[in-house]
PDB file of N, CA and C in Angstrom:
ATOM      1  N   MET A   1      -4.846 -21.010  -2.178  1.00  0.00           N
ATOM      2  CA  MET A   1      -5.901 -20.635  -1.261  1.00  0.00           C
ATOM      3  C   MET A   1      -5.539 -19.354  -0.508  1.00  0.00           C
ATOM      4  N   LYS A   2      -4.255 -19.253  -0.127  1.00  0.00           N
ATOM      5  CA  LYS A   2      -3.820 -18.070   0.601  1.00  0.00           C
ATOM      6  C   LYS A   2      -3.942 -16.814  -0.262  1.00  0.00           C
ATOM      7  N   ASN A   3      -3.629 -16.936  -1.574  1.00  0.00           N
ATOM      8  CA  ASN A   3      -3.753 -15.795  -2.483  1.00  0.00           C
ATOM      9  C   ASN A   3      -5.198 -15.329  -2.595  1.00  0.00           C
ATOM     10  N   MET A   4      -6.143 -16.280  -2.569  1.00  0.00           N
ATOM     11  CA  MET A   4      -7.559 -15.937  -2.655  1.00  0.00           C
ATOM     12  C   MET A   4      -7.979 -15.119  -1.432  1.00  0.00           C
ATOM     13  N   LYS A   5      -7.544 -15.531  -0.243  1.00  0.00           N
ATOM     14  CA  LYS A   5      -7.875 -14.795   0.978  1.00  0.00           C
ATOM     15  C   LYS A   5      -7.223 -13.420   0.971  1.00  0.00           C
ATOM     16  N   ASN A   6      -5.987 -13.357   0.478  1.00  0.00           N
ATOM     17  CA  ASN A   6      -5.288 -12.084   0.383  1.00  0.00           C
ATOM     18  C   ASN A   6      -6.037 -11.122  -0.526  1.00  0.00           C
ATOM     19  N   LYS A   7      -6.527 -11.604  -1.677  1.00  0.00           N
ATOM     20  CA  LYS A   7      -7.272 -10.761  -2.622  1.00  0.00           C
ATOM     21  C   LYS A   7      -8.562 -10.260  -1.985  1.00  0.00           C
ATOM     22  N   GLU A   8      -9.279 -11.155  -1.298  1.00  0.00           N
ATOM     23  CA  GLU A   8     -10.520 -10.751  -0.623  1.00  0.00           C
ATOM     24  C   GLU A   8     -10.233  -9.693   0.435  1.00  0.00           C
ATOM     25  N   HIS A   9      -9.146  -9.883   1.164  1.00  0.00           N
ATOM     26  CA  HIS A   9      -8.770  -8.914   2.196  1.00  0.00           C
ATOM     27  C   HIS A   9      -8.474  -7.554   1.573  1.00  0.00           C
ATOM     28  N   ASN A  10      -7.720  -7.543   0.478  1.00  0.00           N
ATOM     29  CA  ASN A  10      -7.394  -6.286  -0.206  1.00  0.00           C
ATOM     30  C   ASN A  10      -8.635  -5.619  -0.775  1.00  0.00           C
ATOM     31  N   ASP A  11      -9.546  -6.416  -1.351  1.00  0.00           N
ATOM     32  CA  ASP A  11     -10.794  -5.864  -1.884  1.00  0.00           C
ATOM     33  C   ASP A  11     -11.613  -5.231  -0.777  1.00  0.00           C
ATOM     34  N   ASN A  12     -11.656  -5.881   0.383  1.00  0.00           N
ATOM     35  CA  ASN A  12     -12.421  -5.382   1.518  1.00  0.00           C
ATOM     36  C   ASN A  12     -11.839  -4.060   2.019  1.00  0.00           C
ATOM     37  N   ILE A  13     -10.533  -3.969   2.088  1.00  0.00           N
ATOM     38  CA  ILE A  13      -9.882  -2.726   2.509  1.00  0.00           C
ATOM     39  C   ILE A  13     -10.183  -1.616   1.509  1.00  0.00           C
ATOM     40  N   PHE A  14     -10.130  -1.940   0.218  1.00  0.00           N
ATOM     41  CA  PHE A  14     -10.424  -0.953  -0.816  1.00  0.00           C
ATOM     42  C   PHE A  14     -11.858  -0.432  -0.687  1.00  0.00           C
ATOM     43  N   LEU A  15     -12.824  -1.318  -0.474  1.00  0.00           N
ATOM     44  CA  LEU A  15     -14.227  -0.910  -0.357  1.00  0.00           C
ATOM     45  C   LEU A  15     -14.452  -0.040   0.873  1.00  0.00           C
ATOM     46  N   LYS A  16     -13.788  -0.360   1.980  1.00  0.00           N
ATOM     47  CA  LYS A  16     -13.930   0.450   3.191  1.00  0.00           C
ATOM     48  C   LYS A  16     -13.355   1.850   2.970  1.00  0.00           C
ATOM     49  N   GLU A  17     -12.235   1.936   2.273  1.00  0.00           N
ATOM     50  CA  GLU A  17     -11.628   3.232   1.977  1.00  0.00           C
ATOM     51  C   GLU A  17     -12.526   4.036   1.041  1.00  0.00           C
ATOM     52  N   GLU A  18     -13.100   3.370   0.050  1.00  0.00           N
ATOM     53  CA  GLU A  18     -14.013   4.045  -0.879  1.00  0.00           C
ATOM     54  C   GLU A  18     -15.236   4.588  -0.140  1.00  0.00           C
ATOM     55  N   ALA A  19     -15.771   3.787   0.775  1.00  0.00           N
ATOM     56  CA  ALA A  19     -16.933   4.225   1.559  1.00  0.00           C
ATOM     57  C   ALA A  19     -16.581   5.462   2.373  1.00  0.00           C
ATOM     58  N   ARG A  20     -15.407   5.466   2.984  1.00  0.00           N
ATOM     59  CA  ARG A  20     -14.978   6.606   3.795  1.00  0.00           C
ATOM     60  C   ARG A  20     -14.840   7.864   2.932  1.00  0.00           C
ATOM     61  N   LEU A  21     -14.336   7.712   1.711  1.00  0.00           N
ATOM     62  CA  LEU A  21     -14.172   8.860   0.817  1.00  0.00           C
ATOM     63  C   LEU A  21     -15.506   9.426   0.336  1.00  0.00           C
ATOM     64  N   LEU A  22     -16.544   8.614   0.312  1.00  0.00           N
ATOM     65  CA  LEU A  22     -17.856   9.069  -0.161  1.00  0.00           C
ATOM     66  C   LEU A  22     -18.650   9.820   0.907  1.00  0.00           C
ATOM     67  N   LEU A  23     -18.173   9.825   2.141  1.00  0.00           N
ATOM     68  CA  LEU A  23     -18.879  10.504   3.229  1.00  0.00           C
ATOM     69  C   LEU A  23     -19.105  11.970   2.878  1.00  0.00           C
ATOM     70  N   ASN A  24     -20.340  12.449   3.059  1.00  0.00           N
ATOM     71  CA  ASN A  24     -20.767  13.826   2.758  1.00  0.00           C
ATOM     72  C   ASN A  24     -20.737  14.164   1.270  1.00  0.00           C
ATOM     73  N   GLN A  25     -20.721  13.148   0.409  1.00  0.00           N
ATOM     74  CA  GLN A  25     -20.728  13.361  -1.039  1.00  0.00           C
ATOM     75  C   GLN A  25     -22.069  12.905  -1.614  1.00  0.00           C
ATOM     76  N   GLU A  26     -22.407  13.444  -2.773  1.00  0.00           N
ATOM     77  CA  GLU A  26     -23.595  12.962  -3.477  1.00  0.00           C
ATOM     78  C   GLU A  26     -23.206  11.746  -4.302  1.00  0.00           C
ATOM     79  N   VAL A  27     -24.069  10.729  -4.284  1.00  0.00           N
ATOM     80  CA  VAL A  27     -23.830   9.512  -5.047  1.00  0.00           C
ATOM     81  C   VAL A  27     -25.085   9.165  -5.826  1.00  0.00           C
ATOM     82  N   LYS A  28     -24.919   8.324  -6.828  1.00  0.00           N
ATOM     83  CA  LYS A  28     -26.050   7.802  -7.586  1.00  0.00           C
ATOM     84  C   LYS A  28     -26.228   6.354  -7.169  1.00  0.00           C
ATOM     85  N   ILE A  29     -27.449   5.983  -6.791  1.00  0.00           N
ATOM     86  CA  ILE A  29     -27.737   4.616  -6.392  1.00  0.00           C
ATOM     87  C   ILE A  29     -27.997   3.800  -7.656  1.00  0.00           C
ATOM     88  N   ASN A  30     -27.305   2.661  -7.789  1.00  0.00           N
ATOM     89  CA  ASN A  30     -27.381   1.862  -9.010  1.00  0.00           C
ATOM     90  C   ASN A  30     -28.318   0.666  -8.912  1.00  0.00           C
ATOM     91  N   ARG A  31     -28.648   0.219  -7.709  1.00  0.00           N
ATOM     92  CA  ARG A  31     -29.491  -0.970  -7.542  1.00  0.00           C
ATOM     93  C   ARG A  31     -30.485  -0.770  -6.414  1.00  0.00           C
ATOM     94  N   GLY A  32     -31.543  -1.566  -6.470  1.00  0.00           N
ATOM     95  CA  GLY A  32     -32.521  -1.572  -5.383  1.00  0.00           C
ATOM     96  C   GLY A  32     -33.693  -0.660  -5.654  1.00  0.00           C
ATOM     97  N   GLN A  33     -34.441  -0.399  -4.605  1.00  0.00           N
ATOM     98  CA  GLN A  33     -35.668   0.379  -4.685  1.00  0.00           C
ATOM     99  C   GLN A  33     -35.410   1.804  -5.189  1.00  0.00           C
ATOM    100  N   PHE A  34     -34.260   2.372  -4.862  1.00  0.00           N
ATOM    101  CA  PHE A  34     -33.956   3.747  -5.236  1.00  0.00           C
ATOM    102  C   PHE A  34     -32.981   3.841  -6.409  1.00  0.00           C
ATOM    103  N   ALA A  35     -32.928   2.827  -7.239  1.00  0.00           N
ATOM    104  CA  ALA A  35     -32.007   2.814  -8.380  1.00  0.00           C
ATOM    105  C   ALA A  35     -32.253   4.032  -9.271  1.00  0.00           C
ATOM    106  N   GLY A  36     -31.164   4.688  -9.654  1.00  0.00           N
ATOM    107  CA  GLY A  36     -31.252   5.866 -10.509  1.00  0.00           C
ATOM    108  C   GLY A  36     -31.398   7.167  -9.758  1.00  0.00           C
ATOM    109  N   LYS A  37     -31.612   7.101  -8.451  1.00  0.00           N
ATOM    110  CA  LYS A  37     -31.797   8.312  -7.642  1.00  0.00           C
ATOM    111  C   LYS A  37     -30.450   8.819  -7.119  1.00  0.00           C
ATOM    112  N   THR A  38     -30.423  10.093  -6.826  1.00  0.00           N
ATOM    113  CA  THR A  38     -29.265  10.724  -6.213  1.00  0.00           C
ATOM    114  C   THR A  38     -29.470  10.735  -4.704  1.00  0.00           C
ATOM    115  N   ALA A  39     -28.374  10.559  -3.964  1.00  0.00           N
ATOM    116  CA  ALA A  39     -28.474  10.544  -2.510  1.00  0.00           C
ATOM    117  C   ALA A  39     -27.233  11.175  -1.900  1.00  0.00           C
ATOM    118  N   LEU A  40     -27.369  11.676  -0.685  1.00  0.00           N
ATOM    119  CA  LEU A  40     -26.265  12.247   0.072  1.00  0.00           C
ATOM    120  C   LEU A  40     -25.824  11.232   1.118  1.00  0.00           C
ATOM    121  N   VAL A  41     -24.537  10.905   1.139  1.00  0.00           N
ATOM    122  CA  VAL A  41     -24.014   9.946   2.117  1.00  0.00           C
ATOM    123  C   VAL A  41     -23.881  10.668   3.451  1.00  0.00           C
ATOM    124  N   ARG A  42     -24.659  10.212   4.443  1.00  0.00           N
ATOM    125  CA  ARG A  42     -24.654  10.852   5.756  1.00  0.00           C
ATOM    126  C   ARG A  42     -23.703  10.185   6.724  1.00  0.00           C
ATOM    127  N   GLU A  43     -23.542   8.860   6.596  1.00  0.00           N
ATOM    128  CA  GLU A  43     -22.726   8.144   7.571  1.00  0.00           C
ATOM    129  C   GLU A  43     -22.251   6.822   6.975  1.00  0.00           C
ATOM    130  N   VAL A  44     -21.084   6.374   7.418  1.00  0.00           N
ATOM    131  CA  VAL A  44     -20.582   5.049   7.076  1.00  0.00           C
ATOM    132  C   VAL A  44     -20.819   4.179   8.301  1.00  0.00           C
ATOM    133  N   MET A  45     -21.461   3.038   8.094  1.00  0.00           N
ATOM    134  CA  MET A  45     -21.787   2.158   9.216  1.00  0.00           C
ATOM    135  C   MET A  45     -20.533   1.464   9.762  1.00  0.00           C
ATOM    136  N   ALA A  46     -20.669   0.788  10.888  1.00  0.00           N
ATOM    137  CA  ALA A  46     -19.541   0.165  11.592  1.00  0.00           C
ATOM    138  C   ALA A  46     -18.825  -0.896  10.759  1.00  0.00           C
ATOM    139  N   ASP A  47     -19.530  -1.559   9.833  1.00  0.00           N
ATOM    140  CA  ASP A  47     -18.869  -2.583   9.017  1.00  0.00           C
ATOM    141  C   ASP A  47     -17.936  -1.969   7.975  1.00  0.00           C
ATOM    142  N   GLY A  48     -18.040  -0.648   7.780  1.00  0.00           N
ATOM    143  CA  GLY A  48     -17.158   0.046   6.856  1.00  0.00           C
ATOM    144  C   GLY A  48     -17.600  -0.002   5.412  1.00  0.00           C
ATOM    145  N   ARG A  49     -18.618  -0.762   5.088  1.00  0.00           N
ATOM    146  CA  ARG A  49     -19.088  -0.903   3.701  1.00  0.00           C
ATOM    147  C   ARG A  49     -20.482  -0.341   3.486  1.00  0.00           C
ATOM    148  N   SER A  50     -21.309  -0.370   4.516  1.00  0.00           N
ATOM    149  CA  SER A  50     -22.688   0.094   4.398  1.00  0.00           C
ATOM    150  C   SER A  50     -22.751   1.601   4.591  1.00  0.00           C
ATOM    151  N   LEU A  51     -23.562   2.236   3.754  1.00  0.00           N
ATOM    152  CA  LEU A  51     -23.711   3.685   3.807  1.00  0.00           C
ATOM    153  C   LEU A  51     -25.124   4.054   4.218  1.00  0.00           C
ATOM    154  N   GLU A  52     -25.250   5.032   5.099  1.00  0.00           N
ATOM    155  CA  GLU A  52     -26.560   5.620   5.389  1.00  0.00           C
ATOM    156  C   GLU A  52     -26.684   6.815   4.470  1.00  0.00           C
ATOM    157  N   VAL A  53     -27.689   6.794   3.597  1.00  0.00           N
ATOM    158  CA  VAL A  53     -27.860   7.872   2.617  1.00  0.00           C
ATOM    159  C   VAL A  53     -29.234   8.499   2.749  1.00  0.00           C
ATOM    160  N   GLU A  54     -29.289   9.785   2.446  1.00  0.00           N
ATOM    161  CA  GLU A  54     -30.560  10.500   2.376  1.00  0.00           C
ATOM    162  C   GLU A  54     -30.894  10.674   0.909  1.00  0.00           C
ATOM    163  N   VAL A  55     -31.970  10.032   0.478  1.00  0.00           N
ATOM    164  CA  VAL A  55     -32.336  10.021  -0.933  1.00  0.00           C
ATOM    165  C   VAL A  55     -32.969  11.360  -1.315  1.00  0.00           C
ATOM    166  N   ALA A  56     -32.480  11.955  -2.393  1.00  0.00           N
ATOM    167  CA  ALA A  56     -32.964  13.259  -2.853  1.00  0.00           C
ATOM    168  C   ALA A  56     -34.397  13.156  -3.360  1.00  0.00           C
ATOM    169  N   ASN A  57     -35.152  14.226  -3.172  1.00  0.00           N
ATOM    170  CA  ASN A  57     -36.533  14.362  -3.657  1.00  0.00           C
ATOM    171  C   ASN A  57     -37.473  13.283  -3.122  1.00  0.00           C
ATOM    172  N   THR A  58     -37.265  12.838  -1.885  1.00  0.00           N
ATOM    173  CA  THR A  58     -38.152  11.833  -1.285  1.00  0.00           C
ATOM    174  C   THR A  58     -38.590  12.257   0.108  1.00  0.00           C
ATOM    175  N   SER A  59     -38.606  13.546   0.389  1.00  0.00           N
ATOM    176  CA  SER A  59     -38.993  14.077   1.698  1.00  0.00           C
ATOM    177  C   SER A  59     -38.113  13.532   2.809  1.00  0.00           C
ATOM    178  N   GLY A  60     -36.835  13.381   2.540  1.00  0.00           N
ATOM    179  CA  GLY A  60     -35.886  12.998   3.568  1.00  0.00           C
ATOM    180  C   GLY A  60     -35.822  11.523   3.898  1.00  0.00           C
ATOM    181  N   LYS A  61     -36.211  10.654   2.965  1.00  0.00           N
ATOM    182  CA  LYS A  61     -36.121   9.211   3.241  1.00  0.00           C
ATOM    183  C   LYS A  61     -34.666   8.806   3.420  1.00  0.00           C
ATOM    184  N   ILE A  62     -34.444   7.927   4.395  1.00  0.00           N
ATOM    185  CA  ILE A  62     -33.117   7.412   4.693  1.00  0.00           C
ATOM    186  C   ILE A  62     -33.051   5.966   4.213  1.00  0.00           C
ATOM    187  N   ALA A  63     -31.933   5.601   3.596  1.00  0.00           N
ATOM    188  CA  ALA A  63     -31.748   4.223   3.131  1.00  0.00           C
ATOM    189  C   ALA A  63     -30.342   3.765   3.517  1.00  0.00           C
ATOM    190  N   PHE A  64     -30.188   2.455   3.647  1.00  0.00           N
ATOM    191  CA  PHE A  64     -28.885   1.855   3.893  1.00  0.00           C
ATOM    192  C   PHE A  64     -28.501   1.083   2.640  1.00  0.00           C
ATOM    193  N   VAL A  65     -27.343   1.417   2.079  1.00  0.00           N
ATOM    194  CA  VAL A  65     -26.923   0.856   0.801  1.00  0.00           C
ATOM    195  C   VAL A  65     -25.470   0.395   0.923  1.00  0.00           C
ATOM    196  N   ASP A  66     -25.167  -0.756   0.333  1.00  0.00           N
ATOM    197  CA  ASP A  66     -23.773  -1.218   0.285  1.00  0.00           C
ATOM    198  C   ASP A  66     -22.995  -0.334  -0.679  1.00  0.00           C
ATOM    199  N   VAL A  67     -21.740  -0.091  -0.371  1.00  0.00           N
ATOM    200  CA  VAL A  67     -20.911   0.804  -1.176  1.00  0.00           C
ATOM    201  C   VAL A  67     -20.778   0.329  -2.624  1.00  0.00           C
ATOM    202  N   THR A  68     -20.929  -0.972  -2.877  1.00  0.00           N
ATOM    203  CA  THR A  68     -20.813  -1.488  -4.243  1.00  0.00           C
ATOM    204  C   THR A  68     -22.022  -1.137  -5.105  1.00  0.00           C
ATOM    205  N   PHE A  69     -23.105  -0.643  -4.492  1.00  0.00           N
ATOM    206  CA  PHE A  69     -24.318  -0.310  -5.236  1.00  0.00           C
ATOM    207  C   PHE A  69     -24.463   1.179  -5.526  1.00  0.00           C
ATOM    208  N   VAL A  70     -23.424   1.957  -5.287  1.00  0.00           N
ATOM    209  CA  VAL A  70     -23.485   3.388  -5.572  1.00  0.00           C
ATOM    210  C   VAL A  70     -22.302   3.785  -6.444  1.00  0.00           C
ATOM    211  N   SER A  71     -22.434   4.919  -7.110  1.00  0.00           N
ATOM    212  CA  SER A  71     -21.319   5.466  -7.872  1.00  0.00           C
ATOM    213  C   SER A  71     -21.212   6.952  -7.570  1.00  0.00           C
ATOM    214  N   GLU A  72     -19.994   7.444  -7.604  1.00  0.00           N
ATOM    215  CA  GLU A  72     -19.723   8.840  -7.311  1.00  0.00           C
ATOM    216  C   GLU A  72     -20.238   9.717  -8.445  1.00  0.00           C
ATOM    217  N   ILE A  73     -20.786  10.859  -8.091  1.00  0.00           N
ATOM    218  CA  ILE A  73     -21.234  11.822  -9.102  1.00  0.00           C
ATOM    219  C   ILE A  73     -20.107  12.809  -9.315  1.00  0.00           C
ATOM    220  N   GLN A  74     -19.672  12.938 -10.562  1.00  0.00           N
ATOM    221  CA  GLN A  74     -18.594  13.862 -10.889  1.00  0.00           C
ATOM    222  C   GLN A  74     -19.157  14.997 -11.724  1.00  0.00           C
ATOM    223  N   GLU A  75     -18.813  16.211 -11.323  1.00  0.00           N
ATOM    224  CA  GLU A  75     -19.281  17.377 -12.057  1.00  0.00           C
ATOM    225  C   GLU A  75     -18.538  17.496 -13.380  1.00  0.00           C
ATOM    226  N   ALA A  76     -19.267  17.863 -14.408  1.00  0.00           N
ATOM    227  CA  ALA A  76     -18.643  18.074 -15.713  1.00  0.00           C
ATOM    228  C   ALA A  76     -17.785  19.326 -15.659  1.00  0.00           C
ATOM    229  N   TYR A  77     -16.668  19.276 -16.314  1.00  0.00           N
ATOM    230  CA  TYR A  77     -15.772  20.429 -16.352  1.00  0.00           C
ATOM    231  C   TYR A  77     -15.437  20.732 -17.796  1.00  0.00           C
ATOM    232  N   ASN A  78     -15.658  21.969 -18.195  1.00  0.00           N
ATOM    233  CA  ASN A  78     -15.346  22.391 -19.562  1.00  0.00           C
ATOM    234  C   ASN A  78     -13.959  23.016 -19.571  1.00  0.00           C
ATOM    235  N   TRP A  79     -13.023  22.301 -20.163  1.00  0.00           N
ATOM    236  CA  TRP A  79     -11.673  22.827 -20.272  1.00  0.00           C
ATOM    237  C   TRP A  79     -11.667  23.977 -21.252  1.00  0.00           C
ATOM    238  N   PRO A  80     -10.906  25.047 -20.962  1.00  0.00           N
ATOM    239  CA  PRO A  80     -10.867  26.171 -21.900  1.00  0.00           C
ATOM    240  C   PRO A  80     -10.234  25.748 -23.218  1.00  0.00           C
ATOM    241  N   LYS A  81     -10.759  26.295 -24.298  1.00  0.00           N
ATOM    242  CA  LYS A  81     -10.237  25.974 -25.619  1.00  0.00           C
ATOM    243  C   LYS A  81      -8.959  26.783 -25.843  1.00  0.00           C
ATOM    244  N   GLN A  82      -7.890  26.102 -26.185  1.00  0.00           N
ATOM    245  CA  GLN A  82      -6.624  26.768 -26.456  1.00  0.00           C
ATOM    246  C   GLN A  82      -5.823  25.936 -27.436  1.00  0.00           C
ATOM    247  N   GLU A  83      -4.863  26.566 -28.045  1.00  0.00           N
ATOM    248  CA  GLU A  83      -4.008  25.867 -28.986  1.00  0.00           C
ATOM    249  C   GLU A  83      -3.221  24.799 -28.246  1.00  0.00           C
ATOM    250  N   GLN A  84      -3.157  23.628 -28.831  1.00  0.00           N
ATOM    251  CA  GLN A  84      -2.446  22.529 -28.193  1.00  0.00           C
ATOM    252  C   GLN A  84      -0.944  22.797 -28.205  1.00  0.00           C
ATOM    253  N   SER A  85      -0.325  22.581 -27.077  1.00  0.00           N
ATOM    254  CA  SER A  85       1.115  22.766 -26.963  1.00  0.00           C
ATOM    255  C   SER A  85       1.742  21.443 -26.553  1.00  0.00           C
ATOM    256  N   LEU A  86       2.804  21.079 -27.221  1.00  0.00           N
ATOM    257  CA  LEU A  86       3.501  19.836 -26.911  1.00  0.00           C
ATOM    258  C   LEU A  86       4.686  20.076 -25.989  1.00  0.00           C
ATOM    259  N   GLY A  87       4.853  21.316 -25.532  1.00  0.00           N
ATOM    260  CA  GLY A  87       5.986  21.666 -24.696  1.00  0.00           C
ATOM    261  C   GLY A  87       7.055  22.343 -25.524  1.00  0.00           C
ATOM    262  N   PRO A  88       7.953  23.083 -24.890  1.00  0.00           N
ATOM    263  CA  PRO A  88       8.938  23.871 -25.642  1.00  0.00           C
ATOM    264  C   PRO A  88       9.863  23.018 -26.499  1.00  0.00           C
ATOM    265  N   ASP A  89      10.287  21.868 -26.019  1.00  0.00           N
ATOM    266  CA  ASP A  89      11.201  21.038 -26.803  1.00  0.00           C
ATOM    267  C   ASP A  89      10.515  20.473 -28.038  1.00  0.00           C
ATOM    268  N   ALA A  90       9.324  19.932 -27.858  1.00  0.00           N
ATOM    269  CA  ALA A  90       8.620  19.344 -28.991  1.00  0.00           C
ATOM    270  C   ALA A  90       8.159  20.416 -29.967  1.00  0.00           C
ATOM    271  N   ASN A  91       7.712  21.564 -29.472  1.00  0.00           N
ATOM    272  CA  ASN A  91       7.260  22.638 -30.361  1.00  0.00           C
ATOM    273  C   ASN A  91       8.400  23.163 -31.230  1.00  0.00           C
ATOM    274  N   SER A  92       9.634  23.108 -30.736  1.00  0.00           N
ATOM    275  CA  SER A  92      10.760  23.645 -31.486  1.00  0.00           C
ATOM    276  C   SER A  92      11.065  22.837 -32.740  1.00  0.00           C
ATOM    277  N   VAL A  93      10.601  21.597 -32.819  1.00  0.00           N
ATOM    278  CA  VAL A  93      10.871  20.779 -34.003  1.00  0.00           C
ATOM    279  C   VAL A  93       9.705  20.749 -34.983  1.00  0.00           C
ATOM    280  N   LEU A  94       8.627  21.445 -34.680  1.00  0.00           N
ATOM    281  CA  LEU A  94       7.497  21.513 -35.605  1.00  0.00           C
ATOM    282  C   LEU A  94       7.878  22.370 -36.809  1.00  0.00           C
ATOM    283  N   PRO A  95       7.364  22.066 -37.995  1.00  0.00           N
ATOM    284  CA  PRO A  95       7.747  22.783 -39.229  1.00  0.00           C
ATOM    285  C   PRO A  95       7.553  24.291 -39.143  1.00  0.00           C
ATOM    286  N   HIS A  96       6.487  24.798 -38.553  1.00  0.00           N
ATOM    287  CA  HIS A  96       6.256  26.245 -38.540  1.00  0.00           C
ATOM    288  C   HIS A  96       7.194  26.975 -37.576  1.00  0.00           C
ATOM    289  N   ASN A  97       7.960  26.248 -36.757  1.00  0.00           N
ATOM    290  CA  ASN A  97       8.904  26.873 -35.830  1.00  0.00           C
ATOM    291  C   ASN A  97      10.355  26.836 -36.332  1.00  0.00           C
ATOM    292  N   ARG A  98      10.555  26.247 -37.499  1.00  0.00           N
ATOM    293  CA  ARG A  98      11.928  26.167 -38.027  1.00  0.00           C
ATOM    294  C   ARG A  98      12.306  27.477 -38.705  1.00  0.00           C
ATOM    295  N   LEU A  99      13.566  27.791 -38.666  1.00  0.00           N
ATOM    296  CA  LEU A  99      14.058  29.031 -39.281  1.00  0.00           C
ATOM    297  C   LEU A  99      14.164  28.927 -40.772  1.00  0.00           C
TER     298      LEU A  99
END
């Protein structure tokens, strides 16, 4: 029973930290009336889990959403194309590098 309470406590701390990290970030709402919409996190409520968000393209509508119902939006990054290198030690044993 004690392990169960410990796990719940750790999960709660994790969710509060996640909510704090999402402050001033764009998120995607996954559930509820605004599911699929993008929103800006304006404030984290006193419980540490609820977010006040401004939903995009809705004339400034404000919604309160639990942190478990949103996901972070990550920008795509195109890594430059280059020849793969395994590092100087590993490259030295490749067949084309032998004398």
